């Protein structure tokens, strides 16, 4: 067992990309883009999910760059080598982070691609900062109101989703659960939510190693849980009610919703119901994939993303 926690800079892996810092909204964000990126191309901002960091988009960065986009993957606040403030994990602030990042990168608008919690940030940004968003792709990430409704009235979704949320509300216990035994929780999380085909690959083993390391970076476990703590606790507070009221808008942006066919965490009906909040909402399932579809079946996901962006 490791006794020295990893340094945040350890997430700056070498590859066909470049690492840089972006100052936006009063924070420093670690960002990654292709070494051959051209700044005046259309911007595509890639937002990762819970328990991950920028590296989850390793297969999308080169594909988007080759197709003529400026693809930038970031460590969200509290993750990887980005700043880790003690607060600011509410929907308004996270949407503000994305809006500020678009401007700080030198663009007036961007297309957003988000997985899980990153997808929820996409929904919030499109609603609260609509002029800054061109198109949106959400992976395993239903609209927040669809998710709340399903947890309240769908017993199957409630049993698969609500348990971990409630457990993680407990201070310090949740953090210890994520980091103990060198981040073993992350391995269990990936194994229970991904499909069997990916689990037999070297890429899966590498994903486990790197994400287990990243969750042990000081502050990451606490910050990653703060996303979920706010999402749960705000349902019982005026700020959460106001946020949900603001989110009850039918958006005009072209949306693509993707879900792995074998994802038992986010159900098919939940993604389909999200079409209520998008006038132009296309929904597709990706065969032979679970919750981490963009890592499990990257070619199929890349084809879907590029098809949506190039419509």
Protein backbone atom coordinates (compact mmCIF):
# COMPACT_ATOMS: atom_id res chain seq x y z
CA UNK A 1 0.00 0.00 0.00
CA UNK A 2 1.28 3.48 -0.92
CA UNK A 3 1.99 5.76 2.04
CA UNK A 4 2.76 8.93 0.08
CA UNK A 5 -0.19 10.41 -1.82
CA UNK A 6 0.39 11.14 -5.51
CA UNK A 7 1.25 14.62 -6.68
CA UNK A 8 -1.41 16.30 -8.87
CA UNK A 9 1.11 16.71 -11.70
CA UNK A 10 1.20 12.92 -12.09
CA UNK A 11 -1.94 13.16 -14.25
CA UNK A 12 0.08 14.99 -16.92
CA UNK A 13 0.80 11.85 -18.93
CA UNK A 14 2.95 12.03 -22.04
CA UNK A 15 1.22 11.42 -25.36
CA UNK A 16 0.16 13.06 -28.62
CA UNK A 17 -1.17 16.04 -26.71
CA UNK A 18 -0.02 19.07 -24.76
CA UNK A 19 -0.80 20.08 -21.20
CA UNK A 20 -1.49 23.65 -20.20
CA UNK A 21 -3.21 25.69 -17.49
CA UNK A 22 -6.25 27.90 -18.00
CA UNK A 23 -7.29 30.62 -15.54
CA UNK A 24 -11.07 30.92 -15.55
CA UNK A 25 -13.58 32.10 -12.99
CA UNK A 26 -10.88 32.65 -10.38
CA UNK A 27 -9.52 29.09 -10.61
CA UNK A 28 -6.67 27.36 -12.40
CA UNK A 29 -7.81 24.47 -14.60
CA UNK A 30 -5.53 21.81 -16.05
CA UNK A 31 -6.37 21.28 -19.72
CA UNK A 32 -5.17 18.99 -22.50
CA UNK A 33 -5.38 19.31 -26.27
CA UNK A 34 -3.71 17.82 -29.31
CA UNK A 35 -0.19 19.03 -30.07
CA UNK A 36 -1.44 19.97 -33.54
CA UNK A 37 -4.47 21.91 -32.34
CA UNK A 38 -5.37 25.10 -34.19
CA UNK A 39 -6.93 27.77 -31.99
CA UNK A 40 -9.32 29.17 -34.61
CA UNK A 41 -11.04 25.83 -35.13
CA UNK A 42 -14.50 25.25 -33.56
CA UNK A 43 -14.02 24.44 -29.88
CA UNK A 44 -15.22 21.15 -28.39
CA UNK A 45 -14.94 21.04 -24.60
CA UNK A 46 -14.76 17.55 -23.03
CA UNK A 47 -16.05 17.19 -19.44
CA UNK A 48 -15.39 13.97 -17.52
CA UNK A 49 -17.51 12.16 -14.96
CA UNK A 50 -17.23 11.02 -11.35
CA UNK A 51 -14.05 9.21 -10.33
CA UNK A 52 -12.22 10.15 -13.53
CA UNK A 53 -10.18 13.02 -14.98
CA UNK A 54 -9.19 14.36 -18.41
CA UNK A 55 -7.59 11.07 -19.48
CA UNK A 56 -11.01 9.47 -19.98
CA UNK A 57 -11.13 11.35 -23.33
CA UNK A 58 -7.83 9.93 -24.65
CA UNK A 59 -9.65 8.28 -27.59
CA UNK A 60 -11.77 11.31 -28.46
CA UNK A 61 -9.01 13.96 -28.54
CA UNK A 62 -7.22 12.68 -31.68
CA UNK A 63 -10.47 11.83 -33.49
CA UNK A 64 -11.92 15.30 -32.96
CA UNK A 65 -8.64 16.96 -33.89
CA UNK A 66 -8.39 14.95 -37.10
CA UNK A 67 -11.93 16.01 -38.00
CA UNK A 68 -11.02 19.70 -37.79
CA UNK A 69 -12.08 20.63 -34.27
CA UNK A 70 -10.12 22.13 -31.40
CA UNK A 71 -10.78 19.49 -28.74
CA UNK A 72 -9.88 20.41 -25.16
CA UNK A 73 -10.28 18.03 -22.22
CA UNK A 74 -10.17 19.55 -18.75
CA UNK A 75 -9.90 18.34 -15.19
CA UNK A 76 -13.08 19.71 -13.62
CA UNK A 77 -12.75 21.74 -10.43
CA UNK A 78 -11.58 19.47 -7.64
CA UNK A 79 -10.08 16.83 -9.94
CA UNK A 80 -6.65 15.93 -11.30
CA UNK A 81 -4.30 18.90 -11.46
CA UNK A 82 -7.01 21.58 -11.38
CA UNK A 83 -7.60 23.73 -8.30
CA UNK A 84 -9.55 22.13 -5.46
CA UNK A 85 -11.55 24.81 -3.64
CA UNK A 86 -13.61 23.73 -0.63
CA UNK A 87 -16.87 24.91 -2.18
CA UNK A 88 -18.44 25.73 -5.52
CA UNK A 89 -19.87 22.34 -6.52
CA UNK A 90 -23.41 23.58 -7.13
CA UNK A 91 -25.00 23.68 -10.55
CA UNK A 92 -24.71 27.44 -11.00
CA UNK A 93 -20.99 27.53 -10.24
CA UNK A 94 -20.14 24.51 -12.37
CA UNK A 95 -22.01 26.00 -15.33
CA UNK A 96 -20.13 29.23 -14.69
CA UNK A 97 -16.84 27.33 -14.78
CA UNK A 98 -17.64 26.00 -18.24
CA UNK A 99 -18.72 29.40 -19.53
CA UNK A 100 -15.54 30.98 -18.15
CA UNK A 101 -13.38 28.24 -19.67
CA UNK A 102 -14.84 28.83 -23.12
CA UNK A 103 -14.00 32.53 -22.87
CA UNK A 104 -10.56 31.92 -21.37
CA UNK A 105 -9.72 29.59 -24.25
CA UNK A 106 -10.41 32.47 -26.64
CA UNK A 107 -13.82 31.42 -27.94
CA UNK A 108 -17.30 32.91 -27.66
CA UNK A 109 -19.02 29.52 -27.82
CA UNK A 110 -18.26 25.79 -27.86
CA UNK A 111 -19.83 22.41 -28.34
CA UNK A 112 -19.90 20.42 -25.11
CA UNK A 113 -19.35 16.69 -24.62
CA UNK A 114 -19.89 15.37 -21.10
CA UNK A 115 -20.03 11.99 -19.41
CA UNK A 116 -22.08 11.33 -16.25
CA UNK A 117 -21.48 14.27 -13.85
CA UNK A 118 -19.79 16.12 -16.72
CA UNK A 119 -22.96 15.69 -18.74
CA UNK A 120 -24.99 17.28 -15.96
CA UNK A 121 -22.64 20.26 -16.21
CA UNK A 122 -23.42 20.35 -19.95
CA UNK A 123 -27.17 20.47 -19.26
CA UNK A 124 -26.68 23.27 -16.72
CA UNK A 125 -24.39 25.30 -18.98
CA UNK A 126 -26.74 25.04 -21.97
CA UNK A 127 -29.62 26.22 -19.77
CA UNK A 128 -27.89 29.02 -17.85
CA UNK A 129 -25.48 30.22 -20.59
CA UNK A 130 -27.29 29.28 -23.81
CA UNK A 131 -25.41 31.66 -26.11
CA UNK A 132 -22.07 30.08 -25.15
CA UNK A 133 -23.17 26.60 -26.30
CA UNK A 134 -23.40 25.39 -29.91
CA UNK A 135 -24.17 21.66 -29.68
CA UNK A 136 -24.20 19.15 -26.85
CA UNK A 137 -23.42 15.45 -26.50
CA UNK A 138 -24.28 13.82 -23.16
CA UNK A 139 -23.09 10.29 -22.39
CA UNK A 140 -24.87 8.33 -19.66
CA UNK A 141 -26.14 11.67 -18.37
CA UNK A 142 -29.88 12.38 -18.31
CA UNK A 143 -31.42 15.78 -17.70
CA UNK A 144 -31.36 16.63 -13.95
CA UNK A 145 -35.15 16.85 -13.77
CA UNK A 146 -35.56 13.52 -15.54
CA UNK A 147 -33.11 11.99 -13.09
CA UNK A 148 -34.95 13.39 -10.07
CA UNK A 149 -38.28 12.21 -11.37
CA UNK A 150 -36.95 8.70 -12.06
CA UNK A 151 -35.39 8.39 -8.61
CA UNK A 152 -38.69 9.43 -7.03
CA UNK A 153 -41.05 7.28 -9.08
CA UNK A 154 -39.03 4.47 -10.71
CA UNK A 155 -38.10 1.74 -8.21
CA UNK A 156 -35.53 0.16 -10.55
CA UNK A 157 -33.67 3.44 -11.09
CA UNK A 158 -33.91 4.31 -7.40
CA UNK A 159 -32.34 1.02 -6.34
CA UNK A 160 -29.44 1.35 -8.79
CA UNK A 161 -28.77 5.05 -8.26
CA UNK A 162 -29.80 6.30 -4.84
CA UNK A 163 -27.86 3.92 -2.58
CA UNK A 164 -24.36 5.21 -3.38
CA UNK A 165 -25.60 8.79 -3.26
CA UNK A 166 -26.93 8.41 0.27
CA UNK A 167 -23.82 6.57 1.49
CA UNK A 168 -21.57 9.33 0.18
CA UNK A 169 -23.41 12.01 2.17
CA UNK A 170 -21.56 10.99 5.34
CA UNK A 171 -18.58 13.29 6.01
CA UNK A 172 -15.13 11.64 5.97
CA UNK A 173 -16.58 8.15 5.66
CA UNK A 174 -17.16 8.67 1.95
CA UNK A 175 -13.65 10.04 1.46
CA UNK A 176 -12.07 7.10 3.26
CA UNK A 177 -14.16 4.71 1.21
CA UNK A 178 -12.83 6.20 -2.04
CA UNK A 179 -9.14 6.26 -1.07
CA UNK A 180 -8.56 3.20 1.12
CA UNK A 181 -6.48 0.32 -0.24
CA UNK A 182 -4.93 2.55 -2.92
CA UNK A 183 -8.26 3.57 -4.40
CA UNK A 184 -9.74 0.08 -4.61
CA UNK A 185 -13.24 1.60 -4.68
CA UNK A 186 -12.52 2.99 -8.15
CA UNK A 187 -11.69 -0.48 -9.44
CA UNK A 188 -14.93 -1.86 -8.02
CA UNK A 189 -16.83 1.10 -9.49
CA UNK A 190 -15.43 0.48 -12.97
CA UNK A 191 -15.91 -3.28 -12.82
CA UNK A 192 -19.55 -3.12 -11.75
CA UNK A 193 -20.52 -0.48 -14.31
CA UNK A 194 -18.59 -1.47 -17.44
CA UNK A 195 -19.27 -4.23 -19.93
CA UNK A 196 -17.34 -7.53 -19.93
CA UNK A 197 -15.56 -7.03 -23.26
CA UNK A 198 -13.59 -3.95 -22.14
CA UNK A 199 -12.64 -5.63 -18.86
CA UNK A 200 -10.63 -8.24 -20.76
CA UNK A 201 -8.35 -5.63 -22.35
CA UNK A 202 -5.04 -4.02 -21.40
CA UNK A 203 -6.71 -0.66 -21.85
CA UNK A 204 -9.09 -1.47 -18.99
CA UNK A 205 -6.21 -2.46 -16.71
CA UNK A 206 -4.50 0.83 -17.51
CA UNK A 207 -7.70 2.75 -16.84
CA UNK A 208 -7.98 1.15 -13.40
CA UNK A 209 -4.37 1.95 -12.53
CA UNK A 210 -4.57 5.58 -13.58
CA UNK A 211 -7.95 6.33 -12.04
CA UNK A 212 -7.01 4.63 -8.78
CA UNK A 213 -3.97 6.87 -8.63
CA UNK A 214 -5.93 10.02 -9.46
CA UNK A 215 -8.56 9.51 -6.74
CA UNK A 216 -5.77 9.47 -4.13
CA UNK A 217 -4.50 12.96 -5.04
CA UNK A 218 -5.06 15.08 -1.92
CA UNK A 219 -8.46 16.75 -2.03
CA UNK A 220 -9.86 14.83 -5.00
CA UNK A 221 -11.97 12.37 -3.02
CA UNK A 222 -13.59 15.16 -1.01
CA UNK A 223 -14.21 17.41 -4.01
CA UNK A 224 -15.62 14.64 -6.19
CA UNK A 225 -18.10 13.76 -3.45
CA UNK A 226 -19.11 17.41 -3.04
CA UNK A 227 -20.67 17.26 -6.52
CA UNK A 228 -22.93 14.46 -5.35
CA UNK A 229 -23.53 15.90 -1.91
CA UNK A 230 -24.84 19.12 -3.35
CA UNK A 231 -26.97 17.25 -5.92
CA UNK A 232 -28.63 15.28 -3.09
CA UNK A 233 -28.87 17.84 -0.31
CA UNK A 234 -30.06 20.66 -2.54
CA UNK A 235 -33.27 18.74 -3.22
CA UNK A 236 -34.35 19.66 0.31
CA UNK A 237 -33.23 23.30 0.25
CA UNK A 238 -34.44 26.49 -1.46
CA UNK A 239 -31.29 26.76 -3.60
CA UNK A 240 -31.97 23.32 -5.08
CA UNK A 241 -35.61 24.16 -5.75
CA UNK A 242 -34.58 27.36 -7.55
CA UNK A 243 -32.01 25.47 -9.60
CA UNK A 244 -34.55 22.86 -10.68
CA UNK A 245 -37.02 25.60 -11.60
CA UNK A 246 -34.39 27.25 -13.80
CA UNK A 247 -33.57 23.91 -15.41
CA UNK A 248 -37.17 23.41 -16.48
CA UNK A 249 -36.62 24.93 -19.93
CA UNK A 250 -36.91 23.33 -23.34
CA UNK A 251 -33.60 24.02 -25.04
CA UNK A 252 -33.06 24.81 -28.71
CA UNK A 253 -29.51 23.43 -28.95
CA UNK A 254 -29.03 20.23 -30.96
CA UNK A 255 -28.54 17.47 -28.37
CA UNK A 256 -27.26 13.93 -28.75
CA UNK A 257 -27.82 11.52 -25.89
CA UNK A 258 -25.70 8.36 -25.82
CA UNK A 259 -25.96 5.38 -23.50
CA UNK A 260 -24.21 2.03 -23.41
CA UNK A 261 -26.72 -0.73 -24.09
CA UNK A 262 -25.53 -2.69 -21.04
CA UNK A 263 -25.49 0.28 -18.62
CA UNK A 264 -27.42 -0.86 -15.52
CA UNK A 265 -26.73 2.41 -13.69
CA UNK A 266 -28.51 4.83 -16.05
CA UNK A 267 -31.57 3.19 -17.54
CA UNK A 268 -32.76 3.47 -21.13
CA UNK A 269 -36.03 5.18 -20.19
CA UNK A 270 -34.17 7.85 -18.25
CA UNK A 271 -32.12 8.96 -21.23
CA UNK A 272 -35.13 8.80 -23.55
CA UNK A 273 -37.22 10.93 -21.18
CA UNK A 274 -34.59 13.68 -21.33
CA UNK A 275 -35.90 14.55 -24.80
CA UNK A 276 -38.63 16.55 -23.03
CA UNK A 277 -36.04 19.29 -22.34
CA UNK A 278 -34.55 19.41 -25.85
CA UNK A 279 -36.48 20.44 -28.96
CA UNK A 280 -33.78 18.79 -31.09
CA UNK A 281 -32.82 15.72 -29.06
CA UNK A 282 -31.48 12.55 -30.67
CA UNK A 283 -30.97 9.45 -28.54
CA UNK A 284 -28.79 6.45 -29.45
CA UNK A 285 -27.59 3.36 -27.62
CA UNK A 286 -24.12 1.95 -28.18
CA UNK A 287 -23.99 -1.88 -28.36
CA UNK A 288 -21.59 -3.92 -26.23
CA UNK A 289 -20.91 -1.05 -23.83
CA UNK A 290 -21.75 -0.21 -20.24
CA UNK A 291 -21.55 3.07 -18.33
CA UNK A 292 -18.12 4.07 -19.73
CA UNK A 293 -19.17 3.77 -23.35
CA UNK A 294 -16.65 6.30 -24.73
CA UNK A 295 -13.82 4.14 -23.34
CA UNK A 296 -15.42 0.77 -24.03
CA UNK A 297 -16.47 1.39 -27.64
CA UNK A 298 -14.53 4.52 -28.67
CA UNK A 299 -14.88 4.05 -32.43
CA UNK A 300 -18.68 3.86 -32.29
CA UNK A 301 -18.90 6.79 -29.87
CA UNK A 302 -16.50 8.90 -31.95
CA UNK A 303 -18.57 8.23 -35.06
CA UNK A 304 -21.73 9.31 -33.24
CA UNK A 305 -20.14 12.46 -31.80
CA UNK A 306 -18.63 13.54 -35.13
CA UNK A 307 -21.90 12.85 -36.93
CA UNK A 308 -23.75 15.08 -34.48
CA UNK A 309 -21.22 17.89 -34.56
CA UNK A 310 -21.11 17.86 -38.35
CA UNK A 311 -24.85 17.79 -38.97
